Amino acid sequence: MTRALQAYNAGNNSVALVGFRQAAELGNVDAMMYLGVMYGSGRGADLDYTSAMAWFRRAADAGNSQAMCNIGLLYYEGLGRPKSYAQAMSWFLKAASFGNAEATFNAGVLFRDGLGVPVNYVEAMSWFRKAAGEGDITAANAIGVLYQQGLGVSVDYAQAMSWYQSAAAAGSDAALFNIGVLWEGGLGVDQDRDKAIIWYRKAAAAGNESARAALKSLGAQESEPTPGLDPAPPPP
């Protein structure tokens, strides 16, 4: 299993596939989950959602929470089977009961977006908080959005900023962008174009397209001009 995982992380997919299969047939539950991932992503094997589901089910039946979450994602996306938010929620909740932060966040998304259940921002916030407490940075950013927009809670820009900063410190490019939005709009802080640009640049450097668009709108370059050189004009 160790060699298979090393091969997987190194991108040697054919070796990883053989190794995971051997380990799975010996009862290794993590190997079953990884086989599901490989078939479900077409990595080292032909894309096959039926095989992916079969391996995820074997792993899930043995208590692997990531496999449970992945089954939920197959139903959520309608991959290899009809889309079913009810089934997605069921599997997300099963995985969440084992402490899977991704599944906990996904349950919150279904409540926030009203997918298979009525829209319920209070319930979404509850699940996002659980996920954030389990280390999910996407959930921390999502909490910030709820506070910024006043969804299920009163508008609270200070809380939004706090959650964005927490997510940004953990590497969320969306949170970096959202901090820029607060500075640009003067939301809970004194409006400051320069600080907005600083945060947008950080987000853009992390690959955030919304931040790149915001910089263009402000007539700012994606990177800070080199001192002593005339900056090139922004693109039209």
C-alpha atoms as a PDB file:
ATOM      1  CA  MET A   1       0.000   0.000   0.000  1.00  0.00           C
ATOM      2  CA  THR A   2       2.816   2.398   0.855  1.00  0.00           C
ATOM      3  CA  ARG A   3       4.492   1.917  -2.520  1.00  0.00           C
ATOM      4  CA  ALA A   4       1.164   2.315  -4.303  1.00  0.00           C
ATOM      5  CA  LEU A   5       0.510   5.583  -2.475  1.00  0.00           C
ATOM      6  CA  GLN A   6       3.995   6.848  -3.276  1.00  0.00           C
ATOM      7  CA  ALA A   7       3.443   5.998  -6.947  1.00  0.00           C
ATOM      8  CA  TYR A   8       0.067   7.740  -6.869  1.00  0.00           C
ATOM      9  CA  ASN A   9       1.530  10.914  -5.366  1.00  0.00           C
ATOM     10  CA  ALA A  10       4.348  10.837  -7.928  1.00  0.00           C
ATOM     11  CA  GLY A  11       1.875  10.537 -10.812  1.00  0.00           C
ATOM     12  CA  ASN A  12       2.933   6.979 -11.679  1.00  0.00           C
ATOM     13  CA  ASN A  13      -0.660   5.931 -12.134  1.00  0.00           C
ATOM     14  CA  SER A  14      -0.209   2.518 -13.724  1.00  0.00           C
ATOM     15  CA  VAL A  15       1.959   1.320 -10.830  1.00  0.00           C
ATOM     16  CA  ALA A  16      -0.432   2.888  -8.314  1.00  0.00           C
ATOM     17  CA  LEU A  17      -3.446   1.167  -9.882  1.00  0.00           C
ATOM     18  CA  VAL A  18      -1.833  -2.265  -9.669  1.00  0.00           C
ATOM     19  CA  GLY A  19      -0.649  -1.655  -6.120  1.00  0.00           C
ATOM     20  CA  PHE A  20      -4.006  -0.384  -4.886  1.00  0.00           C
ATOM     21  CA  ARG A  21      -5.788  -3.321  -6.469  1.00  0.00           C
ATOM     22  CA  GLN A  22      -3.462  -5.813  -4.801  1.00  0.00           C
ATOM     23  CA  ALA A  23      -3.890  -4.086  -1.446  1.00  0.00           C
ATOM     24  CA  ALA A  24      -7.664  -3.827  -1.870  1.00  0.00           C
ATOM     25  CA  GLU A  25      -8.002  -7.527  -2.600  1.00  0.00           C
ATOM     26  CA  LEU A  26      -6.159  -8.151   0.672  1.00  0.00           C
ATOM     27  CA  GLY A  27      -8.762  -6.031   2.446  1.00  0.00           C
ATOM     28  CA  ASN A  28      -7.048  -2.636   2.647  1.00  0.00           C
ATOM     29  CA  VAL A  29      -9.920  -0.164   2.921  1.00  0.00           C
ATOM     30  CA  ASP A  30      -7.913   2.927   1.936  1.00  0.00           C
ATOM     31  CA  ALA A  31      -6.799   1.140  -1.220  1.00  0.00           C
ATOM     32  CA  MET A  32     -10.438   0.515  -2.105  1.00  0.00           C
ATOM     33  CA  MET A  33     -11.152   4.211  -1.744  1.00  0.00           C
ATOM     34  CA  TYR A  34      -8.176   5.168  -3.925  1.00  0.00           C
ATOM     35  CA  LEU A  35      -9.260   2.708  -6.609  1.00  0.00           C
ATOM     36  CA  GLY A  36     -12.620   4.457  -6.624  1.00  0.00           C
ATOM     37  CA  VAL A  37     -10.877   7.791  -7.069  1.00  0.00           C
ATOM     38  CA  MET A  38      -8.771   6.489  -9.954  1.00  0.00           C
ATOM     39  CA  TYR A  39     -11.749   5.023 -11.808  1.00  0.00           C
ATOM     40  CA  GLY A  40     -13.888   8.055 -11.009  1.00  0.00           C
ATOM     41  CA  SER A  41     -11.304  10.482 -12.378  1.00  0.00           C
ATOM     42  CA  GLY A  42      -9.930   8.384 -15.228  1.00  0.00           C
ATOM     43  CA  ARG A  43      -6.515   8.505 -13.627  1.00  0.00           C
ATOM     44  CA  GLY A  44      -4.489   5.459 -14.670  1.00  0.00           C
ATOM     45  CA  ALA A  45      -7.666   3.726 -15.794  1.00  0.00           C
ATOM     46  CA  ASP A  46     -10.525   4.312 -18.192  1.00  0.00           C
ATOM     47  CA  LEU A  47     -13.125   6.646 -16.705  1.00  0.00           C
ATOM     48  CA  ASP A  48     -15.678   4.292 -15.178  1.00  0.00           C
ATOM     49  CA  TYR A  49     -18.177   5.651 -12.658  1.00  0.00           C
ATOM     50  CA  THR A  50     -19.730   2.217 -12.156  1.00  0.00           C
ATOM     51  CA  SER A  51     -16.409   0.773 -11.026  1.00  0.00           C
ATOM     52  CA  ALA A  52     -15.742   3.899  -8.979  1.00  0.00           C
ATOM     53  CA  MET A  53     -19.039   3.479  -7.151  1.00  0.00           C
ATOM     54  CA  ALA A  54     -18.386  -0.225  -6.559  1.00  0.00           C
ATOM     55  CA  TRP A  55     -15.031   0.463  -4.924  1.00  0.00           C
ATOM     56  CA  PHE A  56     -16.378   3.399  -2.944  1.00  0.00           C
ATOM     57  CA  ARG A  57     -19.211   1.215  -1.659  1.00  0.00           C
ATOM     58  CA  ARG A  58     -16.784  -1.486  -0.526  1.00  0.00           C
ATOM     59  CA  ALA A  59     -14.702   1.106   1.294  1.00  0.00           C
ATOM     60  CA  ALA A  60     -17.755   2.858   2.737  1.00  0.00           C
ATOM     61  CA  ASP A  61     -19.205  -0.416   4.001  1.00  0.00           C
ATOM     62  CA  ALA A  62     -15.917  -0.898   5.840  1.00  0.00           C
ATOM     63  CA  GLY A  63     -16.231   2.555   7.456  1.00  0.00           C
ATOM     64  CA  ASN A  64     -14.126   4.799   5.188  1.00  0.00           C
ATOM     65  CA  SER A  65     -15.633   8.280   5.520  1.00  0.00           C
ATOM     66  CA  GLN A  66     -13.944   9.693   2.405  1.00  0.00           C
ATOM     67  CA  ALA A  67     -15.505   6.945   0.324  1.00  0.00           C
ATOM     68  CA  MET A  68     -18.892   7.880   1.816  1.00  0.00           C
ATOM     69  CA  CYS A  69     -18.300  11.507   0.886  1.00  0.00           C
ATOM     70  CA  ASN A  70     -17.251  10.516  -2.638  1.00  0.00           C
ATOM     71  CA  ILE A  71     -20.419   8.498  -3.118  1.00  0.00           C
ATOM     72  CA  GLY A  72     -22.330  11.614  -2.139  1.00  0.00           C
ATOM     73  CA  LEU A  73     -20.411  13.589  -4.750  1.00  0.00           C
ATOM     74  CA  LEU A  74     -21.289  11.072  -7.471  1.00  0.00           C
ATOM     75  CA  TYR A  75     -24.977  11.536  -6.637  1.00  0.00           C
ATOM     76  CA  TYR A  76     -24.541  15.316  -6.308  1.00  0.00           C
ATOM     77  CA  GLU A  77     -23.000  15.590  -9.763  1.00  0.00           C
ATOM     78  CA  GLY A  78     -25.097  12.840 -11.365  1.00  0.00           C
ATOM     79  CA  LEU A  79     -22.021  10.911 -12.469  1.00  0.00           C
ATOM     80  CA  GLY A  80     -22.852   7.428 -13.720  1.00  0.00           C
ATOM     81  CA  ARG A  81     -26.326   7.615 -12.201  1.00  0.00           C
ATOM     82  CA  PRO A  82     -29.239  10.046 -12.034  1.00  0.00           C
ATOM     83  CA  LYS A  83     -28.534  13.141  -9.980  1.00  0.00           C
ATOM     84  CA  SER A  84     -30.041  12.835  -6.511  1.00  0.00           C
ATOM     85  CA  TYR A  85     -29.548  15.500  -3.882  1.00  0.00           C
ATOM     86  CA  ALA A  86     -31.432  13.348  -1.375  1.00  0.00           C
ATOM     87  CA  GLN A  87     -28.920  10.525  -1.833  1.00  0.00           C
ATOM     88  CA  ALA A  88     -26.059  13.022  -1.802  1.00  0.00           C
ATOM     89  CA  MET A  89     -27.259  14.442   1.514  1.00  0.00           C
ATOM     90  CA  SER A  90     -27.672  10.970   2.985  1.00  0.00           C
ATOM     91  CA  TRP A  91     -24.087  10.039   2.172  1.00  0.00           C
ATOM     92  CA  PHE A  92     -22.681  13.398   3.224  1.00  0.00           C
ATOM     93  CA  LEU A  93     -24.385  13.041   6.599  1.00  0.00           C
ATOM     94  CA  LYS A  94     -23.006   9.514   7.006  1.00  0.00           C
ATOM     95  CA  ALA A  95     -19.488  10.734   6.260  1.00  0.00           C
ATOM     96  CA  ALA A  96     -19.941  13.775   8.486  1.00  0.00           C
ATOM     97  CA  SER A  97     -20.887  11.520  11.384  1.00  0.00           C
ATOM     98  CA  PHE A  98     -17.370  10.088  11.116  1.00  0.00           C
ATOM     99  CA  GLY A  99     -15.832  13.578  11.275  1.00  0.00           C
ATOM    100  CA  ASN A 100     -15.233  14.059   7.552  1.00  0.00           C
ATOM    101  CA  ALA A 101     -14.873  17.843   7.166  1.00  0.00           C
ATOM    102  CA  GLU A 102     -15.474  17.861   3.401  1.00  0.00           C
ATOM    103  CA  ALA A 103     -18.768  16.031   3.799  1.00  0.00           C
ATOM    104  CA  THR A 104     -19.771  18.296   6.674  1.00  0.00           C
ATOM    105  CA  PHE A 105     -19.180  21.322   4.451  1.00  0.00           C
ATOM    106  CA  ASN A 106     -21.073  19.712   1.564  1.00  0.00           C
ATOM    107  CA  ALA A 107     -24.117  19.163   3.767  1.00  0.00           C
ATOM    108  CA  GLY A 108     -24.026  22.875   4.546  1.00  0.00           C
ATOM    109  CA  VAL A 109     -23.892  23.690   0.837  1.00  0.00           C
ATOM    110  CA  LEU A 110     -27.074  21.696   0.203  1.00  0.00           C
ATOM    111  CA  PHE A 111     -28.882  23.601   2.958  1.00  0.00           C
ATOM    112  CA  ARG A 112     -27.500  26.949   1.775  1.00  0.00           C
ATOM    113  CA  ASP A 113     -28.451  26.386  -1.854  1.00  0.00           C
ATOM    114  CA  GLY A 114     -31.729  24.555  -1.223  1.00  0.00           C
ATOM    115  CA  LEU A 115     -30.684  21.402  -3.070  1.00  0.00           C
ATOM    116  CA  GLY A 116     -32.982  18.540  -2.109  1.00  0.00           C
ATOM    117  CA  VAL A 117     -34.013  20.454   1.014  1.00  0.00           C
ATOM    118  CA  PRO A 118     -35.587  23.875   1.632  1.00  0.00           C
ATOM    119  CA  VAL A 119     -33.106  26.746   1.789  1.00  0.00           C
ATOM    120  CA  ASN A 120     -32.018  27.050   5.410  1.00  0.00           C
ATOM    121  CA  TYR A 121     -29.172  29.458   6.100  1.00  0.00           C
ATOM    122  CA  VAL A 122     -29.239  28.818   9.839  1.00  0.00           C
ATOM    123  CA  GLU A 123     -28.712  25.108   9.238  1.00  0.00           C
ATOM    124  CA  ALA A 124     -26.069  25.872   6.636  1.00  0.00           C
ATOM    125  CA  MET A 125     -24.205  28.040   9.127  1.00  0.00           C
ATOM    126  CA  SER A 126     -24.322  25.246  11.683  1.00  0.00           C
ATOM    127  CA  TRP A 127     -22.757  22.765   9.261  1.00  0.00           C
ATOM    128  CA  PHE A 128     -20.197  25.268   8.018  1.00  0.00           C
ATOM    129  CA  ARG A 129     -19.128  25.961  11.603  1.00  0.00           C
ATOM    130  CA  LYS A 130     -18.701  22.243  12.250  1.00  0.00           C
ATOM    131  CA  ALA A 131     -16.640  21.880   9.073  1.00  0.00           C
ATOM    132  CA  ALA A 132     -14.508  24.911   9.901  1.00  0.00           C
ATOM    133  CA  GLY A 133     -13.885  23.460  13.333  1.00  0.00           C
ATOM    134  CA  GLU A 134     -12.631  20.329  11.588  1.00  0.00           C
ATOM    135  CA  GLY A 135     -10.193  22.396   9.536  1.00  0.00           C
ATOM    136  CA  ASP A 136     -12.111  23.017   6.293  1.00  0.00           C
ATOM    137  CA  ILE A 137     -10.965  26.414   4.985  1.00  0.00           C
ATOM    138  CA  THR A 138     -13.708  26.546   2.344  1.00  0.00           C
ATOM    139  CA  ALA A 139     -16.239  26.393   5.162  1.00  0.00           C
ATOM    140  CA  ALA A 140     -14.513  29.250   6.987  1.00  0.00           C
ATOM    141  CA  ASN A 141     -14.809  31.388   3.866  1.00  0.00           C
ATOM    142  CA  ALA A 142     -18.461  30.369   3.443  1.00  0.00           C
ATOM    143  CA  ILE A 143     -19.203  31.521   7.001  1.00  0.00           C
ATOM    144  CA  GLY A 144     -17.692  34.878   6.128  1.00  0.00           C
ATOM    145  CA  VAL A 145     -19.978  35.157   3.112  1.00  0.00           C
ATOM    146  CA  LEU A 146     -23.063  34.476   5.231  1.00  0.00           C
ATOM    147  CA  TYR A 147     -22.050  37.227   7.657  1.00  0.00           C
ATOM    148  CA  GLN A 148     -21.234  39.631   4.842  1.00  0.00           C
ATOM    149  CA  GLN A 149     -24.564  39.060   3.109  1.00  0.00           C
ATOM    150  CA  GLY A 150     -26.675  38.687   6.249  1.00  0.00           C
ATOM    151  CA  LEU A 151     -27.932  35.219   5.371  1.00  0.00           C
ATOM    152  CA  GLY A 152     -29.312  33.451   8.429  1.00  0.00           C
ATOM    153  CA  VAL A 153     -27.539  36.001  10.616  1.00  0.00           C
ATOM    154  CA  SER A 154     -27.443  39.768  10.929  1.00  0.00           C
ATOM    155  CA  VAL A 155     -24.967  41.492   8.620  1.00  0.00           C
ATOM    156  CA  ASP A 156     -21.672  41.636  10.491  1.00  0.00           C
ATOM    157  CA  TYR A 157     -18.690  42.797   8.476  1.00  0.00           C
ATOM    158  CA  ALA A 158     -16.317  42.392  11.415  1.00  0.00           C
ATOM    159  CA  GLN A 159     -17.246  38.720  11.680  1.00  0.00           C
ATOM    160  CA  ALA A 160     -16.978  38.367   7.917  1.00  0.00           C
ATOM    161  CA  MET A 161     -13.482  39.848   7.966  1.00  0.00           C
ATOM    162  CA  SER A 162     -12.443  37.598  10.837  1.00  0.00           C
ATOM    163  CA  TRP A 163     -13.568  34.451   9.041  1.00  0.00           C
ATOM    164  CA  TYR A 164     -12.048  35.558   5.749  1.00  0.00           C
ATOM    165  CA  GLN A 165      -8.730  36.236   7.472  1.00  0.00           C
ATOM    166  CA  SER A 166      -8.799  32.800   9.063  1.00  0.00           C
ATOM    167  CA  ALA A 167      -9.489  31.131   5.720  1.00  0.00           C
ATOM    168  CA  ALA A 168      -6.952  33.298   3.906  1.00  0.00           C
ATOM    169  CA  ALA A 169      -4.238  32.404   6.403  1.00  0.00           C
ATOM    170  CA  ALA A 170      -4.932  28.750   5.637  1.00  0.00           C
ATOM    171  CA  GLY A 171      -4.610  29.314   1.896  1.00  0.00           C
ATOM    172  CA  SER A 172      -8.078  30.181   0.569  1.00  0.00           C
ATOM    173  CA  ASP A 173      -7.788  32.352  -2.550  1.00  0.00           C
ATOM    174  CA  ALA A 174     -11.528  33.087  -2.360  1.00  0.00           C
ATOM    175  CA  ALA A 175     -11.039  34.515   1.126  1.00  0.00           C
ATOM    176  CA  LEU A 176      -8.134  36.665  -0.070  1.00  0.00           C
ATOM    177  CA  PHE A 177     -10.440  38.069  -2.732  1.00  0.00           C
ATOM    178  CA  ASN A 178     -13.277  38.646  -0.266  1.00  0.00           C
ATOM    179  CA  ILE A 179     -11.006  40.632   2.047  1.00  0.00           C
ATOM    180  CA  GLY A 180     -10.232  42.835  -0.930  1.00  0.00           C
ATOM    181  CA  VAL A 181     -13.953  43.293  -1.537  1.00  0.00           C
ATOM    182  CA  LEU A 182     -14.451  44.537   2.026  1.00  0.00           C
ATOM    183  CA  TRP A 183     -11.625  47.072   1.677  1.00  0.00           C
ATOM    184  CA  GLU A 184     -12.770  48.230  -1.749  1.00  0.00           C
ATOM    185  CA  GLY A 185     -16.355  48.685  -0.609  1.00  0.00           C
ATOM    186  CA  GLY A 186     -15.576  50.118   2.804  1.00  0.00           C
ATOM    187  CA  LEU A 187     -17.572  47.345   4.436  1.00  0.00           C
ATOM    188  CA  GLY A 188     -16.808  47.369   8.143  1.00  0.00           C
ATOM    189  CA  VAL A 189     -13.536  49.180   7.430  1.00  0.00           C
ATOM    190  CA  ASP A 190     -12.560  52.568   6.055  1.00  0.00           C
ATOM    191  CA  GLN A 191     -12.659  52.312   2.292  1.00  0.00           C
ATOM    192  CA  ASP A 192      -9.122  51.844   1.024  1.00  0.00           C
ATOM    193  CA  ARG A 193      -8.411  51.202  -2.652  1.00  0.00           C
ATOM    194  CA  ASP A 194      -4.727  50.495  -2.047  1.00  0.00           C
ATOM    195  CA  LYS A 195      -5.437  47.819   0.547  1.00  0.00           C
ATOM    196  CA  ALA A 196      -8.050  46.288  -1.737  1.00  0.00           C
ATOM    197  CA  ILE A 197      -5.447  46.056  -4.488  1.00  0.00           C
ATOM    198  CA  ILE A 198      -2.974  44.395  -2.112  1.00  0.00           C
ATOM    199  CA  TRP A 199      -5.469  41.664  -1.281  1.00  0.00           C
ATOM    200  CA  TYR A 200      -6.656  41.282  -4.851  1.00  0.00           C
ATOM    201  CA  ARG A 201      -3.032  40.788  -5.910  1.00  0.00           C
ATOM    202  CA  LYS A 202      -2.582  38.091  -3.301  1.00  0.00           C
ATOM    203  CA  ALA A 203      -5.721  36.360  -4.525  1.00  0.00           C
ATOM    204  CA  ALA A 204      -4.719  36.734  -8.185  1.00  0.00           C
ATOM    205  CA  ALA A 205      -1.290  35.255  -7.434  1.00  0.00           C
ATOM    206  CA  ALA A 206      -3.131  32.259  -5.982  1.00  0.00           C
ATOM    207  CA  GLY A 207      -5.097  31.879  -9.230  1.00  0.00           C
ATOM    208  CA  ASN A 208      -8.338  33.659  -8.363  1.00  0.00           C
ATOM    209  CA  GLU A 209      -9.953  34.910 -11.583  1.00  0.00           C
ATOM    210  CA  SER A 210     -12.380  37.230  -9.804  1.00  0.00           C
ATOM    211  CA  ALA A 211      -9.409  39.023  -8.267  1.00  0.00           C
ATOM    212  CA  ARG A 212      -7.806  39.428 -11.671  1.00  0.00           C
ATOM    213  CA  ALA A 213     -11.023  40.959 -12.978  1.00  0.00           C
ATOM    214  CA  ALA A 214     -11.198  43.288  -9.965  1.00  0.00           C
ATOM    215  CA  LEU A 215      -7.632  44.482 -10.545  1.00  0.00           C
ATOM    216  CA  LYS A 216      -8.411  45.155 -14.182  1.00  0.00           C
ATOM    217  CA  SER A 217     -11.523  47.094 -13.168  1.00  0.00           C
ATOM    218  CA  LEU A 218      -9.416  49.219 -10.827  1.00  0.00           C
ATOM    219  CA  GLY A 219      -6.788  49.796 -13.497  1.00  0.00           C
ATOM    220  CA  ALA A 220      -4.170  47.997 -11.430  1.00  0.00           C
ATOM    221  CA  GLN A 221      -1.544  45.513 -12.472  1.00  0.00           C
ATOM    222  CA  GLU A 222      -1.624  41.972 -11.129  1.00  0.00           C
ATOM    223  CA  SER A 223       1.814  42.411  -9.589  1.00  0.00           C
ATOM    224  CA  GLU A 224       3.267  45.443  -7.883  1.00  0.00           C
ATOM    225  CA  PRO A 225       5.376  47.548 -10.296  1.00  0.00           C
ATOM    226  CA  THR A 226       9.134  47.281  -9.810  1.00  0.00           C
ATOM    227  CA  PRO A 227      10.437  50.434  -8.056  1.00  0.00           C
ATOM    228  CA  GLY A 228      12.197  52.811 -10.426  1.00  0.00           C
ATOM    229  CA  LEU A 229      10.521  51.481 -13.536  1.00  0.00           C
ATOM    230  CA  ASP A 230       7.587  53.018 -15.327  1.00  0.00           C
ATOM    231  CA  PRO A 231       4.682  50.593 -15.023  1.00  0.00           C
ATOM    232  CA  ALA A 232       3.108  49.381 -18.209  1.00  0.00           C
ATOM    233  CA  PRO A 233      -0.394  50.752 -18.743  1.00  0.00           C
ATOM    234  CA  PRO A 234      -3.181  48.404 -17.740  1.00  0.00           C
ATOM    235  CA  PRO A 235      -4.773  46.416 -20.571  1.00  0.00           C
ATOM    236  CA  PRO A 236      -7.838  48.016 -22.129  1.00  0.00           C
END
